[in-house]
PDB file of N, CA and C in Angstrom:
ATOM      1  N   MET A   1      80.225 110.974 106.750  1.00  0.00           N
ATOM      2  CA  MET A   1      81.329 110.054 106.663  1.00  0.00           C
ATOM      3  C   MET A   1      82.623 110.853 106.497  1.00  0.00           C
ATOM      4  N   LEU A   2      83.644 110.443 107.187  1.00  0.00           N
ATOM      5  CA  LEU A   2      84.919 111.139 107.119  1.00  0.00           C
ATOM      6  C   LEU A   2      85.722 110.689 105.903  1.00  0.00           C
ATOM      7  N   PRO A   3      86.469 111.605 105.308  1.00  0.00           N
ATOM      8  CA  PRO A   3      87.336 111.210 104.203  1.00  0.00           C
ATOM      9  C   PRO A   3      88.529 110.423 104.736  1.00  0.00           C
ATOM     10  N   GLU A   4      89.091 109.586 103.901  1.00  0.00           N
ATOM     11  CA  GLU A   4      90.282 108.825 104.278  1.00  0.00           C
ATOM     12  C   GLU A   4      91.456 109.790 104.396  1.00  0.00           C
ATOM     13  N   PRO A   5      92.287 109.639 105.422  1.00  0.00           N
ATOM     14  CA  PRO A   5      93.451 110.515 105.561  1.00  0.00           C
ATOM     15  C   PRO A   5      94.349 110.426 104.316  1.00  0.00           C
ATOM     16  N   LYS A   6      95.004 111.547 103.981  1.00  0.00           N
ATOM     17  CA  LYS A   6      95.824 111.619 102.769  1.00  0.00           C
ATOM     18  C   LYS A   6      96.973 110.614 102.769  1.00  0.00           C
ATOM     19  N   GLU A   7      97.666 110.502 103.859  1.00  0.00           N
ATOM     20  CA  GLU A   7      98.843 109.635 103.901  1.00  0.00           C
ATOM     21  C   GLU A   7      98.666 108.481 104.875  1.00  0.00           C
ATOM     22  N   ILE A   8      97.611 107.734 104.679  1.00  0.00           N
ATOM     23  CA  ILE A   8      97.332 106.586 105.544  1.00  0.00           C
ATOM     24  C   ILE A   8      98.408 105.510 105.399  1.00  0.00           C
ATOM     25  N   LYS A   9      99.204 105.586 104.327  1.00  0.00           N
ATOM     26  CA  LYS A   9     100.255 104.587 104.120  1.00  0.00           C
ATOM     27  C   LYS A   9     101.307 104.617 105.225  1.00  0.00           C
ATOM     28  N   TYR A  10     101.402 105.710 105.983  1.00  0.00           N
ATOM     29  CA  TYR A  10     102.357 105.809 107.081  1.00  0.00           C
ATOM     30  C   TYR A  10     101.794 105.262 108.394  1.00  0.00           C
ATOM     31  N   TRP A  11     100.521 104.957 108.417  1.00  0.00           N
ATOM     32  CA  TRP A  11      99.887 104.493 109.646  1.00  0.00           C
ATOM     33  C   TRP A  11     100.181 103.024 109.887  1.00  0.00           C
ATOM     34  N   ILE A  12     100.316 102.675 111.150  1.00  0.00           N
ATOM     35  CA  ILE A  12     100.562 101.288 111.547  1.00  0.00           C
ATOM     36  C   ILE A  12      99.449 100.905 112.525  1.00  0.00           C
ATOM     37  N   ASN A  13      98.701  99.878 112.201  1.00  0.00           N
ATOM     38  CA  ASN A  13      97.666  99.366 113.109  1.00  0.00           C
ATOM     39  C   ASN A  13      98.070  97.951 113.499  1.00  0.00           C
ATOM     40  N   ASP A  14      98.341  97.768 114.774  1.00  0.00           N
ATOM     41  CA  ASP A  14      98.716  96.444 115.256  1.00  0.00           C
ATOM     42  C   ASP A  14      98.132  96.223 116.648  1.00  0.00           C
ATOM     43  N   ILE A  15      98.633  95.256 117.345  1.00  0.00           N
ATOM     44  CA  ILE A  15      98.130  94.908 118.670  1.00  0.00           C
ATOM     45  C   ILE A  15      98.258  96.085 119.640  1.00  0.00           C
ATOM     46  N   LYS A  16      99.286  96.897 119.477  1.00  0.00           N
ATOM     47  CA  LYS A  16      99.524  98.038 120.366  1.00  0.00           C
ATOM     48  C   LYS A  16      98.578  99.200 120.086  1.00  0.00           C
ATOM     49  N   GLY A  17      97.867  99.153 118.984  1.00  0.00           N
ATOM     50  CA  GLY A  17      96.971 100.242 118.612  1.00  0.00           C
ATOM     51  C   GLY A  17      97.494 100.973 117.389  1.00  0.00           C
ATOM     52  N   SER A  18      96.936 102.120 117.118  1.00  0.00           N
ATOM     53  CA  SER A  18      97.345 102.908 115.959  1.00  0.00           C
ATOM     54  C   SER A  18      98.596 103.709 116.277  1.00  0.00           C
ATOM     55  N   GLN A  19      99.514 103.711 115.331  1.00  0.00           N
ATOM     56  CA  GLN A  19     100.753 104.466 115.447  1.00  0.00           C
ATOM     57  C   GLN A  19     101.075 105.041 114.072  1.00  0.00           C
ATOM     58  N   ILE A  20     102.075 105.897 114.016  1.00  0.00           N
ATOM     59  CA  ILE A  20     102.533 106.418 112.734  1.00  0.00           C
ATOM     60  C   ILE A  20     104.035 106.180 112.647  1.00  0.00           C
ATOM     61  N   GLU A  21     104.491 105.882 111.448  1.00  0.00           N
ATOM     62  CA  GLU A  21     105.910 105.584 111.244  1.00  0.00           C
ATOM     63  C   GLU A  21     106.769 106.800 111.577  1.00  0.00           C
ATOM     64  N   ALA A  22     107.966 106.549 112.075  1.00  0.00           N
ATOM     65  CA  ALA A  22     108.886 107.622 112.424  1.00  0.00           C
ATOM     66  C   ALA A  22     109.336 108.397 111.193  1.00  0.00           C
ATOM     67  N   LYS A  23     109.385 107.743 110.032  1.00  0.00           N
ATOM     68  CA  LYS A  23     109.852 108.401 108.812  1.00  0.00           C
ATOM     69  C   LYS A  23     108.770 109.255 108.138  1.00  0.00           C
ATOM     70  N   ALA A  24     107.588 109.290 108.687  1.00  0.00           N
ATOM     71  CA  ALA A  24     106.487 110.065 108.103  1.00  0.00           C
ATOM     72  C   ALA A  24     106.803 111.551 108.144  1.00  0.00           C
ATOM     73  N   PRO A  25     106.364 112.309 107.125  1.00  0.00           N
ATOM     74  CA  PRO A  25     106.568 113.762 107.154  1.00  0.00           C
ATOM     75  C   PRO A  25     105.806 114.401 108.310  1.00  0.00           C
ATOM     76  N   ALA A  26     106.250 115.578 108.712  1.00  0.00           N
ATOM     77  CA  ALA A  26     105.645 116.269 109.858  1.00  0.00           C
ATOM     78  C   ALA A  26     104.158 116.509 109.646  1.00  0.00           C
ATOM     79  N   TRP A  27     103.742 116.902 108.444  1.00  0.00           N
ATOM     80  CA  TRP A  27     102.324 117.182 108.203  1.00  0.00           C
ATOM     81  C   TRP A  27     101.492 115.916 108.321  1.00  0.00           C
ATOM     82  N   ALA A  28     102.065 114.753 107.971  1.00  0.00           N
ATOM     83  CA  ALA A  28     101.334 113.493 108.105  1.00  0.00           C
ATOM     84  C   ALA A  28     101.171 113.131 109.577  1.00  0.00           C
ATOM     85  N   LYS A  29     102.184 113.438 110.382  1.00  0.00           N
ATOM     86  CA  LYS A  29     102.097 113.185 111.818  1.00  0.00           C
ATOM     87  C   LYS A  29     101.023 114.066 112.458  1.00  0.00           C
ATOM     88  N   GLU A  30     100.943 115.328 112.018  1.00  0.00           N
ATOM     89  CA  GLU A  30      99.915 116.233 112.530  1.00  0.00           C
ATOM     90  C   GLU A  30      98.527 115.739 112.142  1.00  0.00           C
ATOM     91  N   GLU A  31      98.383 115.278 110.903  1.00  0.00           N
ATOM     92  CA  GLU A  31      97.107 114.744 110.435  1.00  0.00           C
ATOM     93  C   GLU A  31      96.709 113.520 111.268  1.00  0.00           C
ATOM     94  N   PHE A  32      97.666 112.669 111.564  1.00  0.00           N
ATOM     95  CA  PHE A  32      97.429 111.474 112.369  1.00  0.00           C
ATOM     96  C   PHE A  32      96.941 111.855 113.765  1.00  0.00           C
ATOM     97  N   GLU A  33      97.617 112.810 114.402  1.00  0.00           N
ATOM     98  CA  GLU A  33      97.237 113.244 115.749  1.00  0.00           C
ATOM     99  C   GLU A  33      95.829 113.836 115.751  1.00  0.00           C
ATOM    100  N   ALA A  34      95.522 114.652 114.761  1.00  0.00           N
ATOM    101  CA  ALA A  34      94.192 115.259 114.680  1.00  0.00           C
ATOM    102  C   ALA A  34      93.124 114.182 114.501  1.00  0.00           C
ATOM    103  N   TYR A  35      93.399 113.205 113.670  1.00  0.00           N
ATOM    104  CA  TYR A  35      92.443 112.119 113.423  1.00  0.00           C
ATOM    105  C   TYR A  35      92.240 111.291 114.692  1.00  0.00           C
ATOM    106  N   GLN A  36      93.313 111.031 115.424  1.00  0.00           N
ATOM    107  CA  GLN A  36      93.208 110.270 116.665  1.00  0.00           C
ATOM    108  C   GLN A  36      92.402 111.032 117.715  1.00  0.00           C
ATOM    109  N   ARG A  37      92.593 112.358 117.804  1.00  0.00           N
ATOM    110  CA  ARG A  37      91.795 113.171 118.740  1.00  0.00           C
ATOM    111  C   ARG A  37      90.322 113.096 118.366  1.00  0.00           C
ATOM    112  N   LEU A  38      90.043 113.170 117.085  1.00  0.00           N
ATOM    113  CA  LEU A  38      88.665 113.103 116.618  1.00  0.00           C
ATOM    114  C   LEU A  38      88.019 111.772 116.976  1.00  0.00           C
ATOM    115  N   MET A  39      88.731 110.695 116.781  1.00  0.00           N
ATOM    116  CA  MET A  39      88.180 109.366 117.039  1.00  0.00           C
ATOM    117  C   MET A  39      87.996 109.099 118.523  1.00  0.00           C
ATOM    118  N   SER A  40      88.701 109.824 119.378  1.00  0.00           N
ATOM    119  CA  SER A  40      88.552 109.622 120.824  1.00  0.00           C
ATOM    120  C   SER A  40      87.606 110.643 121.459  1.00  0.00           C
ATOM    121  N   ALA A  41      87.029 111.524 120.652  1.00  0.00           N
ATOM    122  CA  ALA A  41      86.125 112.559 121.172  1.00  0.00           C
ATOM    123  C   ALA A  41      84.832 111.945 121.702  1.00  0.00           C
ATOM    124  N   LYS A  42      84.288 112.577 122.699  1.00  0.00           N
ATOM    125  CA  LYS A  42      83.030 112.137 123.302  1.00  0.00           C
ATOM    126  C   LYS A  42      81.880 112.967 122.741  1.00  0.00           C
ATOM    127  N   PRO A  43      80.746 112.375 122.480  1.00  0.00           N
ATOM    128  CA  PRO A  43      79.602 113.141 121.970  1.00  0.00           C
ATOM    129  C   PRO A  43      79.019 114.062 123.042  1.00  0.00           C
ATOM    130  N   ASN A  44      78.399 115.160 122.604  1.00  0.00           N
ATOM    131  CA  ASN A  44      77.746 116.073 123.542  1.00  0.00           C
ATOM    132  C   ASN A  44      76.376 115.507 123.927  1.00  0.00           C
ATOM    133  N   LYS A  45      75.579 116.287 124.639  1.00  0.00           N
ATOM    134  CA  LYS A  45      74.275 115.802 125.107  1.00  0.00           C
ATOM    135  C   LYS A  45      73.334 115.444 123.965  1.00  0.00           C
ATOM    136  N   LYS A  46      73.520 116.081 122.813  1.00  0.00           N
ATOM    137  CA  LYS A  46      72.683 115.788 121.649  1.00  0.00           C
ATOM    138  C   LYS A  46      73.186 114.573 120.865  1.00  0.00           C
ATOM    139  N   GLY A  47      74.340 114.069 121.245  1.00  0.00           N
ATOM    140  CA  GLY A  47      74.896 112.901 120.570  1.00  0.00           C
ATOM    141  C   GLY A  47      75.772 113.228 119.377  1.00  0.00           C
ATOM    142  N   THR A  48      76.139 114.497 119.230  1.00  0.00           N
ATOM    143  CA  THR A  48      76.985 114.876 118.101  1.00  0.00           C
ATOM    144  C   THR A  48      78.419 115.122 118.562  1.00  0.00           C
ATOM    145  N   ILE A  49      79.348 114.912 117.651  1.00  0.00           N
ATOM    146  CA  ILE A  49      80.759 115.165 117.909  1.00  0.00           C
ATOM    147  C   ILE A  49      81.196 116.261 116.951  1.00  0.00           C
ATOM    148  N   LYS A  50      81.785 117.312 117.504  1.00  0.00           N
ATOM    149  CA  LYS A  50      82.283 118.394 116.658  1.00  0.00           C
ATOM    150  C   LYS A  50      83.713 118.074 116.246  1.00  0.00           C
ATOM    151  N   TRP A  51      83.974 118.230 114.970  1.00  0.00           N
ATOM    152  CA  TRP A  51      85.328 118.044 114.472  1.00  0.00           C
ATOM    153  C   TRP A  51      85.731 119.232 113.628  1.00  0.00           C
ATOM    154  N   TYR A  52      86.771 119.875 114.079  1.00  0.00           N
ATOM    155  CA  TYR A  52      87.299 121.050 113.391  1.00  0.00           C
ATOM    156  C   TYR A  52      88.715 121.287 113.823  1.00  0.00           C
TER     157      TYR A  52
END
């Protein structure tokens, strides 16, 4: 199970999908992008997803 992102309070989930507020700090934006890449990753032939 993945840990909850540190600054999820900056995240916006609405009809348009997940976004991050413009006023969010740079490190929170990087965390958001990394989390979004992870969630869109495709599993390999064994069915596992690598996250690093």
